[in-house]
Structures are given as C-alpha cells and as structure tokens.
Amino acid sequence: MATKKKADPSTRIADNKKAAYNYFFEERFEAGMVLEGWEVKSLREGKVQLTDGYVMIRDGEMFIVGCQINPLRSASTHTTPDSIRTKKLLLHKEQIRRLTGKVEQKGYTLVPLNLHWKAGKVKCEIALAKGKAEHDKRDTIKDREGKREVERAMKSRNR
C-alpha cells in the first residue's frame, strides 16, 4: 500500500491558493526549475508570487510564465534582475509529450500549484487541470463554509 507523501510545510516556498478554486486537478507532476542565483536567494526569503502564473509548452519545452520572484535589494551588482522572467521547467521528454497531447484537448491547462525545496533544489508542482464553471466555484465556497461551521460547532461544544 503506497501512501502519497505531501511536501513538508517547512520546505514549502509558495502556494497557488487560487488554483484549487478555479480548476479541477486531473494529474500532478513535480518539475525542476532553471533559476538564476539571485532568484534562489529571493526564494529563500519567500519573495515569490505564484497566483498569476501559468505553464506553457513551446517547442517541446515547458515554461512557467507570470511567476513573479521579487529581487532582494542586495541581490547582485553585476546582473539586472527581471522579476517576471519566464523560467524553464524540467520534466522527462515522454511526460512533456503526453502533457502536450492533453493540453491540446479542449478545456485542459497546466497550472503551477506550489514551489518547494527537495534535496536542496527548487521544485514546482504542476497540475493538469480543467477549468471550473461558475456553479462549481459556488459549490466549492458552500462546502468550505459548511466545513468551517461544523468546526466552529465542534470547537464550542468541546469547551
């Protein structure tokens, strides 16, 4: 019996909380990222915004677009940091081919879910996702509020 291991919260860098609200996740993948030195330093400080990011496939390679990594003031003197630079994602060629076929189908897209550390390297968890309709988003909100009310009732009952 294999259990799916979640990334340890201490190794998490950033989460895309809007993704779960806007999409249904079909499959998840972990991809490496090609980063510059100042970007790694900024990630250690947590200066990243993932909510507007999306993944695109171009010429058999995957890129994350719109992931904003804000440079530190003391980042570097010999390079000019670009906070919205397109970053390359590293996956196996067979996985990229399969994802390309899925993305070309109607309604599928690739969404970055989180950035985390794994063995000293920055990894990006991406998901093959299908967009939610407006009524699905309302259901998500209703479920979340229902769970919150149940937790409040249980908490007050235990006092």
Protein backbone atom coordinates (compact mmCIF):
# COMPACT_ATOMS: atom_id res chain seq x y z
CA MET A 1 0.00 0.00 0.00
CA ALA A 2 1.73 3.16 -1.20
CA THR A 3 0.87 6.42 0.52
CA LYS A 4 1.16 9.69 -1.29
CA LYS A 5 3.57 11.91 0.61
CA LYS A 6 2.80 15.62 0.85
CA ALA A 7 5.59 18.18 0.81
CA ASP A 8 6.65 19.12 4.33
CA PRO A 9 5.24 22.58 5.22
CA SER A 10 8.71 23.76 6.28
CA THR A 11 10.01 23.10 2.75
CA ARG A 12 7.17 24.95 1.06
CA ILE A 13 8.11 28.24 -0.57
CA ALA A 14 4.81 29.40 -2.07
CA ASP A 15 1.32 28.07 -2.78
CA ASN A 16 -1.15 28.95 -5.51
CA LYS A 17 -4.37 29.01 -3.48
CA LYS A 18 -6.45 30.35 -6.37
CA ALA A 19 -5.71 27.23 -8.42
CA ALA A 20 -7.89 24.91 -6.30
CA TYR A 21 -10.74 27.40 -6.54
CA ASN A 22 -10.54 27.84 -10.32
CA TYR A 23 -9.63 24.32 -11.50
CA PHE A 24 -10.28 20.59 -11.06
CA PHE A 25 -6.93 18.75 -10.88
CA GLU A 26 -6.57 15.62 -13.02
CA GLU A 27 -2.88 14.77 -12.51
CA ARG A 28 0.03 16.29 -10.60
CA PHE A 29 3.69 16.43 -11.60
CA GLU A 30 6.86 17.64 -9.95
CA ALA A 31 9.19 19.60 -12.20
CA GLY A 32 12.60 21.10 -11.61
CA MET A 33 13.20 24.78 -12.36
CA VAL A 34 16.04 26.58 -14.11
CA LEU A 35 16.82 29.58 -11.89
CA GLU A 36 19.47 32.26 -11.55
CA GLY A 37 21.39 32.79 -8.32
CA TRP A 38 19.52 35.91 -7.21
CA GLU A 39 16.20 34.07 -7.72
CA VAL A 40 17.25 31.27 -5.37
CA LYS A 41 18.24 33.83 -2.72
CA SER A 42 14.87 35.56 -3.08
CA LEU A 43 13.05 32.23 -2.84
CA ARG A 44 14.85 31.51 0.44
CA GLU A 45 13.40 34.79 1.74
CA GLY A 46 9.92 33.87 0.40
CA LYS A 47 9.67 36.76 -2.05
CA VAL A 48 7.62 34.96 -4.70
CA GLN A 49 4.09 35.30 -6.06
CA LEU A 50 2.64 32.26 -7.85
CA THR A 51 -1.05 33.15 -8.20
CA ASP A 52 -0.83 34.71 -11.67
CA GLY A 53 1.48 32.04 -13.06
CA TYR A 54 0.67 29.50 -15.75
CA VAL A 55 2.59 26.84 -17.63
CA MET A 56 3.04 26.79 -21.39
CA ILE A 57 4.64 24.31 -23.75
CA ARG A 58 6.74 25.70 -26.58
CA ASP A 59 8.96 23.66 -28.94
CA GLY A 60 8.80 20.57 -26.73
CA GLU A 61 9.90 22.51 -23.63
CA MET A 62 7.85 23.69 -20.66
CA PHE A 63 7.99 27.21 -19.25
CA ILE A 64 6.34 28.90 -16.29
CA VAL A 65 5.08 32.38 -17.14
CA GLY A 66 3.86 35.02 -14.71
CA CYS A 67 5.56 33.60 -11.63
CA GLN A 68 6.97 36.72 -10.03
CA ILE A 69 10.15 36.44 -7.96
CA ASN A 70 10.98 39.81 -6.42
CA PRO A 71 14.73 40.50 -6.15
CA LEU A 72 16.36 41.31 -2.85
CA ARG A 73 17.93 44.75 -2.51
CA SER A 74 21.33 43.11 -2.11
CA ALA A 75 20.74 40.54 -4.86
CA SER A 76 23.52 41.23 -7.31
CA THR A 77 25.62 44.05 -8.62
CA HIS A 78 26.64 42.52 -11.95
CA THR A 79 23.20 41.40 -13.23
CA THR A 80 19.92 43.23 -13.62
CA PRO A 81 17.17 41.12 -12.03
CA ASP A 82 13.94 40.65 -14.04
CA SER A 83 11.18 39.69 -11.61
CA ILE A 84 8.77 38.34 -14.25
CA ARG A 85 11.29 36.39 -16.27
CA THR A 86 9.98 33.23 -17.98
CA LYS A 87 11.50 30.22 -16.22
CA LYS A 88 12.11 26.83 -17.80
CA LEU A 89 10.64 23.72 -16.17
CA LEU A 90 12.44 20.38 -16.31
CA LEU A 91 10.44 17.19 -16.95
CA HIS A 92 11.10 13.96 -18.83
CA LYS A 93 10.53 14.18 -22.58
CA GLU A 94 7.83 11.48 -22.51
CA GLN A 95 5.92 13.39 -19.82
CA ILE A 96 6.10 16.62 -21.82
CA ARG A 97 4.84 14.82 -24.96
CA ARG A 98 1.93 13.30 -23.05
CA LEU A 99 1.05 16.64 -21.43
CA THR A 100 1.22 18.37 -24.81
CA GLY A 101 -1.38 15.96 -26.16
CA LYS A 102 -3.63 16.54 -23.14
CA VAL A 103 -3.30 20.33 -23.23
CA GLU A 104 -4.26 20.39 -26.91
CA GLN A 105 -7.56 18.75 -25.92
CA LYS A 106 -10.34 21.16 -25.17
CA GLY A 107 -10.51 22.53 -21.64
CA TYR A 108 -7.19 21.29 -20.23
CA THR A 109 -4.43 23.56 -18.98
CA LEU A 110 -1.28 23.32 -16.88
CA VAL A 111 -1.31 25.21 -13.59
CA PRO A 112 1.52 25.71 -11.07
CA LEU A 113 0.36 24.62 -7.59
CA ASN A 114 3.35 25.31 -5.36
CA LEU A 115 7.09 25.79 -5.13
CA HIS A 116 9.04 23.73 -2.61
CA TRP A 117 12.54 22.57 -1.70
CA LYS A 118 13.56 18.98 -2.33
CA ALA A 119 17.13 17.85 -1.66
CA GLY A 120 18.38 21.44 -1.87
CA LYS A 121 16.73 22.08 -5.25
CA VAL A 122 13.63 24.15 -6.05
CA LYS A 123 10.77 22.07 -7.43
CA CYS A 124 7.49 23.27 -8.92
CA GLU A 125 4.41 21.11 -8.52
CA ILE A 126 2.21 21.50 -11.59
CA ALA A 127 -1.19 20.02 -12.33
CA LEU A 128 -3.05 19.06 -15.45
CA ALA A 129 -6.31 20.86 -14.76
CA LYS A 130 -9.73 21.53 -16.19
CA GLY A 131 -11.41 24.89 -15.55
CA LYS A 132 -14.36 25.06 -13.20
CA ALA A 133 -17.70 26.53 -14.24
CA GLU A 134 -19.25 29.29 -12.12
CA HIS A 135 -21.66 26.91 -10.36
CA ASP A 136 -18.75 24.63 -9.43
CA LYS A 137 -16.99 27.59 -7.82
CA ARG A 138 -20.13 28.36 -5.82
CA ASP A 139 -20.24 24.71 -4.67
CA THR A 140 -16.61 24.99 -3.55
CA ILE A 141 -17.42 28.08 -1.47
CA LYS A 142 -20.51 26.40 0.02
CA ASP A 143 -18.51 23.29 1.00
CA ARG A 144 -15.75 25.39 2.55
CA GLU A 145 -18.23 27.45 4.61
CA GLY A 146 -20.05 24.28 5.70
CA LYS A 147 -16.82 22.72 6.95
CA ARG A 148 -15.97 25.94 8.78
CA GLU A 149 -19.36 26.00 10.56
CA VAL A 150 -19.02 22.34 11.59
CA GLU A 151 -15.55 23.04 13.02
CA ARG A 152 -16.90 26.05 14.96
CA ALA A 153 -19.75 23.97 16.37
CA MET A 154 -17.36 21.18 17.42
CA LYS A 155 -14.98 23.68 18.98
CA SER A 156 -17.70 25.39 21.02
CA ARG A 157 -19.11 22.02 22.04
CA ASN A 158 -15.74 20.84 23.38
CA ARG A 159 -15.35 23.89 25.64
